[in-house]
Protein backbone atom coordinates (compact mmCIF):
# COMPACT_ATOMS: atom_id res chain seq x y z
CA MET A 1 -7.27 8.32 21.74
CA THR A 2 -8.54 5.78 23.94
CA ARG A 3 -9.33 2.28 22.98
CA GLU A 4 -12.87 1.72 22.20
CA ARG A 5 -13.08 -1.78 22.73
CA SER A 6 -11.01 -4.94 23.22
CA ALA A 7 -10.12 -7.13 20.47
CA ARG A 8 -11.27 -10.56 19.87
CA TRP A 9 -8.46 -13.23 19.24
CA GLN A 10 -9.38 -15.53 16.71
CA VAL A 11 -6.66 -18.42 16.94
CA ALA A 12 -6.88 -20.48 13.57
CA GLU A 13 -8.09 -24.39 13.89
CA GLY A 14 -5.67 -26.90 12.26
CA ASP A 15 -4.92 -30.31 11.55
CA SER A 16 -2.46 -30.95 14.38
CA ALA A 17 -1.67 -34.55 13.13
CA THR A 18 -0.50 -33.61 9.37
CA ALA A 19 1.16 -30.46 11.34
CA ALA A 20 3.24 -32.74 13.47
CA SER A 21 4.18 -34.86 10.37
CA LEU A 22 5.07 -31.88 8.16
CA ALA A 23 7.24 -30.40 11.24
CA GLN A 24 9.00 -33.72 11.83
CA GLN A 25 9.95 -33.70 7.92
CA LEU A 26 11.43 -30.14 7.71
CA GLY A 27 12.70 -29.74 11.27
CA VAL A 28 10.44 -26.86 12.38
CA PRO A 29 8.39 -26.12 15.42
CA GLY A 30 4.78 -27.47 15.21
CA PRO A 31 2.94 -23.99 15.16
CA VAL A 32 5.37 -23.01 11.83
CA ALA A 33 4.21 -26.21 10.14
CA HIS A 34 0.51 -24.92 11.09
CA VAL A 35 1.22 -21.84 9.39
CA TYR A 36 2.49 -23.58 6.19
CA LEU A 37 -0.66 -25.83 6.08
CA SER A 38 -2.84 -22.45 6.23
CA ARG A 39 -0.99 -21.45 3.16
CA GLY A 40 -1.76 -24.44 1.32
CA LEU A 41 2.03 -25.83 1.68
CA ASP A 42 1.16 -29.21 2.87
CA THR A 43 4.27 -30.97 1.29
CA PRO A 44 8.24 -29.97 1.37
CA GLN A 45 8.13 -29.76 -2.30
CA LYS A 46 5.51 -27.30 -2.61
CA LEU A 47 7.10 -25.21 0.31
CA ARG A 48 10.24 -25.22 -1.94
CA ASP A 49 8.18 -24.37 -4.99
CA TYR A 50 6.72 -21.31 -3.18
CA ALA A 51 10.07 -20.04 -2.13
CA ASP A 52 11.82 -20.31 -5.19
CA MET A 53 11.48 -16.84 -6.54
CA GLY A 54 13.07 -15.44 -9.61
CA MET A 55 12.21 -13.98 -13.14
CA HIS A 56 11.27 -17.46 -14.27
CA LYS A 57 8.17 -16.90 -12.19
CA LEU A 58 7.03 -13.98 -14.16
CA HIS A 59 4.26 -14.24 -16.85
CA SER A 60 4.66 -13.29 -20.62
CA PRO A 61 3.71 -9.76 -21.34
CA CYS A 62 1.73 -11.34 -24.46
CA LEU A 63 -0.86 -12.37 -22.61
CA LEU A 64 -1.95 -8.65 -21.46
CA PRO A 65 -4.89 -7.62 -23.21
CA ASP A 66 -4.16 -5.09 -26.13
CA ILE A 67 -0.47 -5.54 -25.66
CA ASP A 68 0.15 -6.02 -29.57
CA ALA A 69 -1.48 -2.73 -30.18
CA ALA A 70 0.14 -0.63 -27.68
CA THR A 71 3.55 -2.28 -28.54
CA ALA A 72 3.21 -1.62 -32.16
CA ARG A 73 2.06 1.72 -31.89
CA LEU A 74 4.87 2.70 -29.43
CA GLU A 75 7.46 0.91 -31.71
CA HIS A 76 6.17 3.21 -34.55
CA ALA A 77 6.40 6.08 -32.22
CA ILE A 78 10.00 5.55 -31.19
CA ARG A 79 11.14 4.67 -34.66
CA THR A 80 9.75 7.90 -36.37
CA ARG A 81 10.63 9.92 -33.36
CA GLU A 82 7.16 11.17 -32.54
CA HIS A 83 6.49 12.57 -29.28
CA ILE A 84 5.29 10.34 -26.46
CA LYS A 85 3.95 12.11 -23.61
CA VAL A 86 3.87 9.81 -20.26
CA VAL A 87 0.75 10.71 -18.03
CA GLY A 88 0.80 9.39 -14.59
CA ASP A 89 -0.54 9.66 -10.95
CA TYR A 90 0.38 11.40 -7.98
CA ASP A 91 0.80 8.54 -5.78
CA VAL A 92 3.97 6.24 -5.49
CA ASP A 93 2.29 3.76 -7.84
CA GLY A 94 1.67 6.36 -10.46
CA ILE A 95 5.12 8.24 -9.77
CA THR A 96 7.11 4.76 -10.16
CA ALA A 97 5.03 3.83 -13.09
CA THR A 98 5.86 7.10 -15.05
CA ALA A 99 9.36 6.44 -14.12
CA VAL A 100 9.61 3.05 -15.76
CA ALA A 101 7.59 4.23 -18.76
CA VAL A 102 10.38 7.44 -19.05
CA LEU A 103 13.17 5.46 -18.55
CA GLY A 104 12.16 2.46 -20.76
CA LEU A 105 11.14 4.57 -23.98
CA GLN A 106 14.33 6.83 -23.59
CA ARG A 107 16.75 3.81 -23.25
CA LEU A 108 15.03 2.57 -26.84
CA GLY A 109 15.95 6.02 -28.34
CA GLY A 110 12.16 7.18 -27.91
CA LEU A 111 11.33 11.25 -27.80
CA VAL A 112 9.61 11.39 -24.30
CA SER A 113 8.25 13.82 -22.06
CA TRP A 114 6.08 13.58 -18.79
CA GLN A 115 3.11 15.05 -16.62
CA LEU A 116 1.94 14.14 -13.49
CA PRO A 117 -1.21 15.78 -11.76
CA ASN A 118 -1.82 17.75 -8.64
CA ARG A 119 -3.86 16.07 -6.40
CA ILE A 120 -5.70 19.43 -5.65
CA THR A 121 -6.02 21.38 -8.48
CA ASP A 122 -6.36 18.48 -11.17
CA GLY A 123 -7.57 15.36 -9.21
CA TYR A 124 -7.11 12.04 -9.94
CA GLY A 125 -7.51 10.69 -13.58
CA LEU A 126 -6.84 11.38 -17.18
CA HIS A 127 -8.74 14.36 -17.84
CA PRO A 128 -9.95 16.36 -21.09
CA ALA A 129 -7.85 19.30 -20.14
CA THR A 130 -4.74 16.96 -19.42
CA VAL A 131 -5.26 15.69 -23.07
CA GLU A 132 -5.68 19.52 -24.68
CA ARG A 133 -2.33 20.51 -22.58
CA CYS A 134 -0.52 17.49 -23.97
CA ALA A 135 -1.58 18.15 -27.41
CA ALA A 136 -0.74 22.04 -27.03
CA ASP A 137 2.88 20.43 -26.29
CA GLY A 138 3.03 18.43 -29.34
CA ALA A 139 2.38 15.05 -28.18
CA ASP A 140 1.29 12.32 -30.78
CA VAL A 141 1.28 9.77 -28.30
CA ILE A 142 -0.17 9.74 -24.85
CA LEU A 143 0.76 7.11 -22.46
CA ALA A 144 -1.11 7.12 -19.69
CA VAL A 145 -0.41 5.00 -16.76
CA ASP A 146 -1.85 4.48 -13.39
CA CYS A 147 -5.27 6.16 -14.97
CA GLY A 148 -7.33 6.33 -17.75
CA THR A 149 -9.43 2.96 -17.70
CA THR A 150 -12.64 4.95 -17.33
CA ALA A 151 -11.23 8.13 -19.29
CA HIS A 152 -14.11 8.25 -21.87
CA ASP A 153 -14.36 11.94 -22.21
CA ALA A 154 -10.46 12.25 -22.32
CA SER A 155 -10.28 9.71 -25.16
CA ALA A 156 -12.80 11.55 -26.99
CA VAL A 157 -11.11 14.84 -26.98
CA ALA A 158 -7.86 12.85 -28.08
CA ARG A 159 -9.67 11.64 -31.10
CA LEU A 160 -10.55 15.19 -31.63
CA GLN A 161 -7.03 16.34 -31.33
CA GLY A 162 -5.47 13.68 -33.51
CA VAL A 163 -3.77 12.10 -30.47
CA ASP A 164 -3.44 8.29 -29.71
CA ILE A 165 -3.87 7.37 -26.31
CA ILE A 166 -2.37 3.80 -24.81
CA ILE A 167 -3.58 3.07 -21.30
CA ALA A 168 -1.65 0.99 -19.03
CA ASP A 169 -3.70 0.79 -16.08
CA HIS A 170 -4.58 -1.69 -12.95
CA HIS A 171 -7.77 0.14 -11.78
CA MET A 172 -11.13 -1.73 -12.19
CA PRO A 173 -13.17 -0.56 -15.34
CA ALA A 174 -16.67 0.92 -15.04
CA ALA A 175 -19.43 -1.67 -14.10
CA SER A 176 -20.78 -1.55 -17.35
CA GLY A 177 -17.65 -3.21 -18.82
CA VAL A 178 -17.29 -0.37 -21.81
CA LEU A 179 -13.97 0.82 -22.00
CA PRO A 180 -12.73 4.08 -23.54
CA GLU A 181 -12.21 4.52 -27.43
CA CYS A 182 -8.33 4.58 -27.79
CA THR A 183 -5.29 2.64 -29.19
CA ALA A 184 -5.12 0.24 -26.57
CA ILE A 185 -6.06 -0.70 -23.02
CA VAL A 186 -3.44 -2.66 -21.27
CA ASN A 187 -5.41 -3.77 -18.07
CA PRO A 188 -5.84 -6.97 -16.59
CA GLN A 189 -8.56 -6.36 -14.81
CA ARG A 190 -10.64 -6.02 -18.15
CA ALA A 191 -13.39 -8.74 -18.21
CA ASP A 192 -11.94 -10.18 -21.50
CA SER A 193 -8.39 -10.36 -19.99
CA ALA A 194 -6.57 -14.00 -20.33
CA TYR A 195 -3.53 -12.66 -18.30
CA PRO A 196 -3.25 -15.23 -15.39
CA PHE A 197 -2.95 -12.67 -12.21
CA ARG A 198 -4.87 -9.71 -11.89
CA GLY A 199 -2.86 -8.23 -8.91
CA LEU A 200 -0.38 -6.11 -10.68
CA ALA A 201 0.23 -3.00 -9.50
CA SER A 202 0.49 -0.02 -12.59
CA VAL A 203 4.29 -0.11 -12.25
CA GLY A 204 4.75 -3.94 -13.01
CA LEU A 205 1.94 -3.36 -15.44
CA VAL A 206 4.34 -0.85 -17.27
CA MET A 207 7.17 -2.84 -16.87
CA LYS A 208 5.55 -5.65 -18.52
CA LEU A 209 4.83 -3.25 -21.46
CA MET A 210 8.20 -1.65 -21.73
CA GLN A 211 9.47 -5.39 -21.89
CA ALA A 212 7.39 -6.04 -24.78
CA VAL A 213 8.41 -2.97 -26.71
CA GLY A 214 12.07 -3.75 -25.53
CA GLU A 215 12.05 -6.83 -27.18
CA LYS A 216 11.20 -5.19 -30.68
CA PHE A 217 14.56 -3.79 -30.48
CA GLY A 218 16.43 -6.53 -29.28
CA VAL A 219 16.39 -5.90 -25.72
CA SER A 220 15.74 -9.15 -23.59
CA GLY A 221 12.88 -9.39 -21.50
CA SER A 222 15.03 -10.26 -18.33
CA GLU A 223 17.10 -7.13 -18.93
CA SER A 224 14.28 -4.92 -19.14
CA VAL A 225 12.88 -6.49 -16.12
CA ASP A 226 16.43 -6.17 -13.98
CA SER A 227 17.06 -2.34 -15.12
CA VAL A 228 13.56 -1.29 -13.10
CA VAL A 229 12.48 -3.85 -10.82
CA ASP A 230 13.72 -1.66 -7.96
CA LEU A 231 11.10 0.84 -8.70
CA VAL A 232 8.32 -2.02 -9.24
CA ALA A 233 9.27 -3.08 -6.03
CA LEU A 234 8.56 0.68 -4.54
CA GLY A 235 4.95 1.16 -6.56
CA THR A 236 3.96 -2.80 -5.69
CA VAL A 237 4.51 -2.45 -1.77
CA ALA A 238 3.49 0.85 -1.50
CA ASP A 239 -0.05 0.67 -3.53
CA MET A 240 -0.78 -2.51 -1.34
CA SER A 241 -1.02 -5.12 -4.28
CA PRO A 242 -1.59 -8.23 -3.18
CA MET A 243 1.76 -10.14 -2.11
CA VAL A 244 0.91 -12.88 -4.37
CA ASP A 245 2.03 -14.78 -7.47
CA GLU A 246 4.23 -12.76 -9.53
CA ASN A 247 4.41 -9.84 -7.11
CA ARG A 248 6.45 -11.72 -4.56
CA SER A 249 9.28 -12.48 -7.39
CA LEU A 250 8.89 -8.90 -8.39
CA VAL A 251 9.48 -7.19 -4.70
CA THR A 252 12.22 -9.71 -3.53
CA LEU A 253 14.27 -9.00 -6.87
CA GLY A 254 13.53 -5.31 -6.52
CA CYS A 255 14.08 -4.93 -2.82
CA GLN A 256 17.56 -6.46 -3.51
CA ARG A 257 18.00 -4.08 -6.05
CA LEU A 258 17.06 -1.11 -4.04
CA SER A 259 19.53 -2.29 -1.10
CA ALA A 260 22.47 -1.88 -3.34
CA SER A 261 20.95 0.73 -5.97
CA MET A 262 23.10 2.99 -8.08
CA ARG A 263 20.29 5.48 -8.64
CA PRO A 264 21.55 8.49 -7.29
CA GLY A 265 17.72 9.33 -5.84
CA VAL A 266 17.38 6.08 -4.35
CA GLN A 267 20.93 6.40 -2.38
CA GLN A 268 19.68 9.91 -1.31
CA LEU A 269 16.37 8.83 -0.08
CA LEU A 270 18.12 5.60 1.43
CA ARG A 271 20.16 7.97 3.56
CA LEU A 272 17.55 10.52 4.58
CA ALA A 273 15.35 7.49 5.71
CA GLN A 274 18.32 5.85 7.45
CA VAL A 275 17.43 2.58 5.69
CA HIS A 276 20.31 0.11 5.12
CA ARG A 277 18.40 -2.80 3.94
CA VAL A 278 15.44 -2.72 2.05
CA THR A 279 12.27 -4.78 2.70
CA PRO A 280 8.57 -4.20 2.04
CA VAL A 281 8.44 -2.90 5.73
CA THR A 282 10.92 -0.42 5.12
CA ILE A 283 9.26 0.61 1.86
CA GLY A 284 5.90 0.80 3.89
CA TYR A 285 6.96 3.36 6.86
CA ALA A 286 10.24 5.12 5.51
CA LEU A 287 10.38 5.36 1.63
CA GLY A 288 6.62 4.97 0.58
CA PRO A 289 5.93 7.96 2.75
CA ARG A 290 8.45 9.94 1.54
CA ILE A 291 7.47 9.43 -2.02
CA ASN A 292 3.95 10.19 -1.47
CA ALA A 293 4.36 13.22 0.56
CA VAL A 294 5.11 15.88 -2.09
CA GLY A 295 1.69 14.43 -4.11
CA ARG A 296 -0.23 14.60 -1.09
CA LEU A 297 0.87 18.26 -0.09
CA SER A 298 1.46 20.16 -3.47
CA ASP A 299 3.34 18.89 -6.62
CA PRO A 300 4.52 15.40 -7.02
CA THR A 301 7.01 16.16 -9.67
CA ASP A 302 10.12 16.51 -7.48
CA ALA A 303 9.37 12.69 -6.37
CA LEU A 304 9.73 11.60 -10.20
CA ARG A 305 12.70 14.03 -10.86
CA LEU A 306 14.34 12.36 -7.56
CA LEU A 307 13.85 8.83 -9.49
CA LEU A 308 15.14 9.97 -12.84
CA GLU A 309 18.07 12.19 -11.50
CA SER A 310 21.44 11.13 -12.58
CA ASP A 311 23.45 13.72 -10.76
CA PHE A 312 24.12 12.97 -7.08
CA GLY A 313 23.81 16.77 -5.98
CA TRP A 314 20.63 17.45 -7.53
CA ALA A 315 19.18 13.99 -6.19
CA GLY A 316 20.07 15.11 -2.62
CA GLU A 317 18.05 18.53 -3.06
CA TYR A 318 15.06 16.23 -4.51
CA ALA A 319 15.48 13.95 -1.49
CA ASN A 320 15.46 16.80 1.15
CA ARG A 321 12.42 18.32 -0.57
CA LEU A 322 10.59 15.17 0.04
CA ASP A 323 11.85 14.49 3.53
CA GLU A 324 10.41 17.92 4.52
CA ALA A 325 7.21 17.23 2.89
CA ASN A 326 6.98 14.33 4.81
CA GLY A 327 7.78 15.97 7.92
CA ALA A 328 5.17 18.50 7.10
CA ARG A 329 2.75 15.86 6.50
CA GLN A 330 3.37 14.06 9.89
CA TYR A 331 2.47 17.35 11.60
CA GLN A 332 -0.51 18.05 9.68
CA GLN A 333 -1.71 14.48 10.00
CA GLN A 334 -1.37 14.23 13.82
CA GLN A 335 -2.75 17.83 14.41
CA ALA A 336 -5.87 16.73 12.36
CA VAL A 337 -6.13 13.95 14.30
CA THR A 338 -5.88 15.50 17.56
CA GLU A 339 -8.71 17.83 16.41
CA ALA A 340 -10.76 15.14 14.90
CA VAL A 341 -10.88 13.40 18.07
CA SER A 342 -11.52 16.85 20.21
CA MET A 343 -14.88 16.72 18.29
CA LEU A 344 -16.22 13.41 19.10
CA PRO A 345 -18.15 12.84 22.04
CA PRO A 346 -16.88 11.11 24.96
CA ASP A 347 -19.39 7.89 24.43
CA MET A 348 -19.37 6.78 20.77
CA SER A 349 -21.73 3.85 21.65
CA ALA A 350 -24.28 5.85 19.50
CA HIS A 351 -22.14 6.70 16.49
CA PRO A 352 -21.37 3.46 14.48
CA VAL A 353 -19.29 5.83 12.18
CA ILE A 354 -17.29 8.79 12.51
CA VAL A 355 -18.13 11.66 10.29
CA VAL A 356 -16.01 14.62 10.96
CA TRP A 357 -14.92 17.82 9.00
CA SER A 358 -12.87 20.89 9.03
CA ARG A 359 -11.94 24.02 6.85
CA ASP A 360 -8.11 23.44 8.59
CA TRP A 361 -7.53 19.89 7.06
CA HIS A 362 -5.29 19.77 3.68
CA ALA A 363 -7.21 17.49 1.15
CA GLY A 364 -4.08 15.67 0.86
CA ILE A 365 -3.92 13.96 4.28
CA ILE A 366 -7.57 13.20 4.98
CA GLY A 367 -7.23 10.03 3.81
CA LEU A 368 -4.43 8.96 6.25
CA VAL A 369 -6.28 10.84 9.14
CA ALA A 370 -9.43 8.57 8.27
CA GLY A 371 -7.60 5.39 8.63
CA GLU A 372 -5.99 6.39 11.71
CA LEU A 373 -9.27 7.21 13.30
CA ALA A 374 -10.76 3.71 12.00
CA LYS A 375 -7.87 1.93 13.15
CA ARG A 376 -7.91 3.45 16.74
CA LEU A 377 -11.65 3.94 17.26
CA HIS A 378 -12.74 0.66 15.69
CA ARG A 379 -15.44 1.85 13.28
CA PRO A 380 -15.81 3.44 9.66
CA ALA A 381 -14.22 7.03 9.41
CA VAL A 382 -15.34 9.88 7.00
CA VAL A 383 -12.56 12.83 7.06
CA CYS A 384 -13.41 15.90 5.05
CA ALA A 385 -11.72 18.95 4.12
CA VAL A 386 -14.18 22.00 3.51
CA GLY A 387 -13.06 24.11 1.00
CA ASP A 388 -13.46 27.77 0.13
CA ASP A 389 -15.51 27.54 -2.86
CA GLY A 390 -18.45 25.62 -1.04
CA THR A 391 -17.49 22.30 -1.91
CA THR A 392 -15.85 19.64 0.13
CA LYS A 393 -13.60 16.92 -0.58
CA GLY A 394 -14.30 13.88 1.86
CA SER A 395 -11.98 10.39 2.24
CA CYS A 396 -13.46 7.21 3.63
CA ARG A 397 -11.82 4.14 5.46
CA SER A 398 -13.70 1.18 6.26
CA PHE A 399 -13.45 -1.05 9.35
CA GLY A 400 -14.03 -4.78 9.81
CA SER A 401 -16.59 -6.00 7.34
CA PHE A 402 -18.14 -2.89 7.06
CA ASN A 403 -18.23 -1.97 3.20
CA ILE A 404 -17.69 1.90 2.95
CA LEU A 405 -18.68 1.83 -0.76
CA LYS A 406 -21.93 0.11 -0.10
CA ALA A 407 -22.87 2.78 2.40
CA LEU A 408 -22.10 5.54 -0.30
CA ASP A 409 -24.19 3.86 -2.87
CA SER A 410 -26.98 3.51 -0.11
CA GLU A 411 -30.23 5.69 -0.93
CA PRO A 412 -30.25 8.28 0.08
CA VAL A 413 -26.63 8.78 0.58
CA TRP A 414 -25.59 8.80 -3.16
CA GLU A 415 -27.69 11.59 -3.88
CA LEU A 416 -25.65 13.95 -1.64
CA PHE A 417 -22.67 13.65 -3.84
CA SER A 418 -21.16 15.58 -6.93
CA HIS A 419 -18.95 12.82 -7.47
CA TYR A 420 -17.83 9.78 -5.54
CA GLY A 421 -16.17 6.11 -5.79
CA GLY A 422 -13.83 3.64 -4.75
CA HIS A 423 -13.91 0.20 -3.26
CA GLU A 424 -15.42 -1.58 0.25
CA TYR A 425 -12.29 -0.59 2.03
CA ALA A 426 -11.55 2.82 1.15
CA ALA A 427 -13.71 5.68 -0.80
CA GLY A 428 -13.89 9.02 -1.75
CA PHE A 429 -16.25 11.91 -2.59
CA THR A 430 -16.87 15.64 -3.22
CA ILE A 431 -20.10 17.41 -1.94
CA GLY A 432 -21.69 20.58 -0.95
CA SER A 433 -20.46 21.82 2.50
CA ASP A 434 -24.32 22.86 3.32
CA LEU A 435 -24.71 18.82 3.05
CA LEU A 436 -22.48 17.54 5.58
CA PRO A 437 -24.69 17.49 8.70
CA LEU A 438 -27.29 15.81 6.67
CA LEU A 439 -24.40 13.23 5.35
CA ALA A 440 -23.48 12.67 8.76
CA GLU A 441 -27.14 11.78 9.87
CA GLN A 442 -27.79 9.47 6.98
CA LEU A 443 -24.39 7.69 7.14
CA THR A 444 -24.98 6.71 10.90
CA ALA A 445 -28.33 5.73 10.03
CA TYR A 446 -27.02 3.37 7.57
CA ALA A 447 -24.04 1.82 9.60
CA ALA A 448 -26.80 1.72 12.72
CA GLY A 449 -28.89 -0.93 10.58
CA VAL A 450 -25.97 -3.20 9.26
CA ILE A 451 -23.46 -3.30 12.19
CA ASP A 452 -24.47 -5.99 14.72
CA ALA A 453 -23.82 -5.78 18.40
CA ASN A 454 -20.22 -7.48 17.86
CA GLY A 455 -19.45 -5.32 14.38
CA LEU A 456 -17.13 -3.00 16.02
CA ALA A 457 -14.95 -5.06 17.85
CA PRO A 458 -11.66 -5.70 16.12
CA VAL A 459 -10.67 -9.06 15.51
CA VAL A 460 -6.75 -10.21 15.57
CA ALA A 461 -6.04 -13.20 13.77
CA ILE A 462 -3.92 -15.45 15.10
CA ASP A 463 -2.09 -18.60 13.16
CA ALA A 464 -1.21 -20.54 15.83
CA GLU A 465 0.10 -20.95 19.44
CA LEU A 466 3.87 -20.73 20.18
CA PRO A 467 5.27 -22.05 22.96
CA ALA A 468 7.86 -19.45 24.60
CA ALA A 469 10.70 -21.76 24.20
CA ASP A 470 10.01 -21.45 20.41
CA ILE A 471 10.81 -17.71 20.41
CA THR A 472 13.77 -18.09 18.75
CA THR A 473 15.74 -17.02 15.60
CA ASN A 474 15.40 -20.17 14.04
CA THR A 475 11.77 -19.76 14.11
CA TYR A 476 11.93 -16.32 12.84
CA GLU A 477 14.12 -17.95 9.93
CA SER A 478 11.96 -20.67 9.09
CA LEU A 479 9.17 -18.20 8.26
CA LEU A 480 11.10 -16.33 5.61
CA CYS A 481 10.42 -19.08 2.96
CA LEU A 482 6.71 -17.35 2.74
CA ALA A 483 8.09 -13.63 2.52
CA PRO A 484 7.70 -11.41 1.21
CA PHE A 485 4.45 -10.50 3.27
CA GLY A 486 1.66 -8.03 2.33
CA GLU A 487 -1.84 -8.15 1.05
CA GLN A 488 -3.27 -11.51 0.73
CA ASN A 489 -0.05 -12.98 2.46
CA ARG A 490 -0.11 -11.41 5.80
CA THR A 491 2.99 -11.60 8.39
CA PRO A 492 2.38 -14.88 10.24
CA THR A 493 0.59 -13.88 13.68
CA PHE A 494 1.37 -16.02 16.95
CA LEU A 495 -0.12 -16.18 20.40
CA THR A 496 2.22 -16.86 23.48
CA ARG A 497 0.86 -17.37 26.97
CA GLY A 498 2.18 -16.28 30.29
CA LEU A 499 5.15 -13.98 29.37
CA ARG A 500 6.63 -12.18 31.91
CA VAL A 501 7.29 -8.46 31.69
CA ALA A 502 10.81 -7.62 32.87
CA HIS A 503 10.53 -3.98 31.61
CA ALA A 504 8.13 -1.36 29.91
CA SER A 505 8.70 2.28 28.95
CA ARG A 506 6.89 4.50 26.45
CA MET A 507 8.97 5.23 23.25
CA GLY A 508 8.70 7.92 20.48
CA PRO A 509 7.22 11.38 20.36
CA GLY A 510 5.08 11.78 23.13
CA GLY A 511 5.36 8.43 24.30
CA ARG A 512 3.05 7.28 21.38
CA HIS A 513 4.57 3.55 21.36
CA LEU A 514 4.91 1.05 24.12
CA LYS A 515 8.03 -0.96 24.60
CA LEU A 516 8.36 -4.05 26.68
CA ARG A 517 10.90 -6.64 27.50
CA PHE A 518 9.96 -10.03 28.50
CA ARG A 519 11.55 -13.08 30.10
CA VAL A 520 11.61 -15.92 27.81
CA ASP A 521 12.41 -19.50 28.98
CA HIS A 522 14.49 -21.20 26.45
CA ALA A 523 18.13 -22.71 26.26
CA THR A 524 19.55 -18.92 25.60
CA GLY A 525 18.16 -17.58 28.52
CA ALA A 526 18.03 -13.96 26.62
CA PRO A 527 15.04 -12.00 27.29
CA VAL A 528 13.20 -10.68 24.04
CA ASP A 529 12.14 -7.25 23.01
CA ALA A 530 8.67 -6.23 22.09
CA ILE A 531 6.90 -3.17 20.58
CA LEU A 532 3.32 -2.02 20.61
CA TRP A 533 3.10 0.62 18.05
CA ARG A 534 0.67 3.82 18.60
CA GLN A 535 -0.44 2.54 22.06
CA GLY A 536 1.70 3.85 24.63
CA GLU A 537 -1.14 4.43 27.13
CA ARG A 538 -1.38 1.08 27.45
CA ILE A 539 1.99 0.78 29.67
CA ALA A 540 -0.38 0.85 32.80
CA GLU A 541 -1.48 -2.70 31.63
CA CYS A 542 2.05 -4.12 31.67
CA PRO A 543 3.73 -3.67 35.30
CA VAL A 544 7.09 -5.33 35.96
CA GLY A 545 6.44 -9.05 37.15
CA ALA A 546 3.07 -8.98 35.41
CA SER A 547 2.38 -12.26 33.33
CA VAL A 548 0.73 -11.28 29.71
CA ASP A 549 -0.71 -13.26 26.61
CA ALA A 550 0.82 -11.78 23.57
CA ALA A 551 -0.21 -11.54 20.04
CA TYR A 552 2.57 -10.74 17.67
CA SER A 553 4.55 -11.59 14.68
CA LEU A 554 8.20 -12.11 14.60
CA THR A 555 10.54 -9.62 13.28
CA MET A 556 14.52 -8.70 13.03
CA ASP A 557 15.40 -5.35 14.10
CA GLU A 558 18.91 -4.55 12.63
CA TYR A 559 20.62 -1.53 14.03
CA ARG A 560 24.01 -0.72 13.66
CA GLY A 561 24.88 -4.05 12.01
CA LYS A 562 23.28 -5.95 14.98
CA ALA A 563 20.23 -8.12 14.66
CA ASN A 564 17.79 -8.70 17.36
CA LEU A 565 14.72 -10.97 17.50
CA VAL A 566 11.55 -8.64 18.33
CA LEU A 567 8.17 -9.11 19.02
CA THR A 568 5.77 -6.67 16.96
CA LEU A 569 2.60 -6.68 18.86
CA GLU A 570 -0.82 -6.98 17.51
CA ASP A 571 -2.25 -6.97 21.14
CA LEU A 572 -1.74 -8.26 24.79
CA ARG A 573 -3.72 -8.88 27.76
CA ARG A 574 -2.89 -9.86 31.27
CA ALA A 575 -2.88 -13.71 31.47
CA GLU A 576 -5.41 -15.67 33.24
């Protein structure tokens, strides 16, 4: 794929005098103080409070809506040995939420079984057919996790079947605000919720529910959290939940537990992924994709079995299956990306949105393909898997300020869909296959009307300029108090001008990535390595001896017990 447009670099403005004063008080470089100030941390005490993470930063489960009704019903079910069926979802958040519920209820003596949907045959959500299967299995209570907030039909069937439903979900209720009629809906996104943080992943929400139930049986809240916080970190990071408020504490504690995990499944997964110290980054690129892969391509139950398994041998078998599925997912994704690019015209200027489809693409990977196309070609992307039954599943990813859900909501686009939904950055739909050319035409017309001349140019948001002399381990460590990084707490990005290229090479399969080495003029005199992911073709812009300006984040590469400072490049350009 070629780059369609050069990125616009936006360097944040700041109060230099205040930054200089804060830098002097803390003994950090001025650009680092600028980053602190941009996060609202304008005093040393605020910085200490922000960096202080632990269980004492977690909110009480008692503040969640319907928590009393949910807790009372589960307590009764456990004490009377009623059959509780946990119904989850096929992504990492849904799988880990299911695991947390099953482990928590079993620990309290509950009679528990579980069920996960198949992405292709069942689709997302709690459906009437799922409730009927649970009732046929003898379930007295269904605990729906990471789904159910809009499951009105399923709730109606449950009432007819005499099955109680408890929902623990973080997805948005319907625009009408009307909720399904059931025993309890524990969801901080409810309009009537008094819970102080709306950004919990479902796995964190289920942990809160298990914490409340555990207290009825004499289990302390801290003990309940500690027993599953590793799984909470997996689901929270993989679901791209906002890395603010109590999610920061949950992920920090969870990564520590994961790195020294006693769970056979986690140990085997770390071994296969060659991860020695778990961080949000390694969850994002190594652990999460492996857990997700089986749910994308087939049946997600092996991923759940991996997390629940107590036998090391069986855990190894499940980990191998996940690893193989991830390899197949990577291959299919890259094949689909290559084929999609070949369908596009050489000049994309008249195509503000990408719309492509094929019978050869697996529906489980089209969202990933859309994301890669949008990122690399700097425009919204819609990728569709054409089925054999005359229907097509589509997945959409936005770009920049373009709201993809508004595009699907627009008239006459929405009239084409059998079903659709999502949010401003990502959405999905089902459509008749014969309507795909019309969909492409109408989305293109809509996008052309809302995207201005500069609307497709990517923007690199830069926190501050950092002199080359300050590219040091000390600078990197001074930023760790802001971690963990993620949604709504992005990794700080710096700009350094006039870096001299000492070495340039391509790395990875097919030379997909660009690796550089810069000469850096600071006290150690040591060069610093840099990586530009998925843009290996830009090596021509970086001949040895060239002077470049680089936008990057500071990272630490740990390999074979040795840690090296590395610049993870967002973009670069020849110095003026």
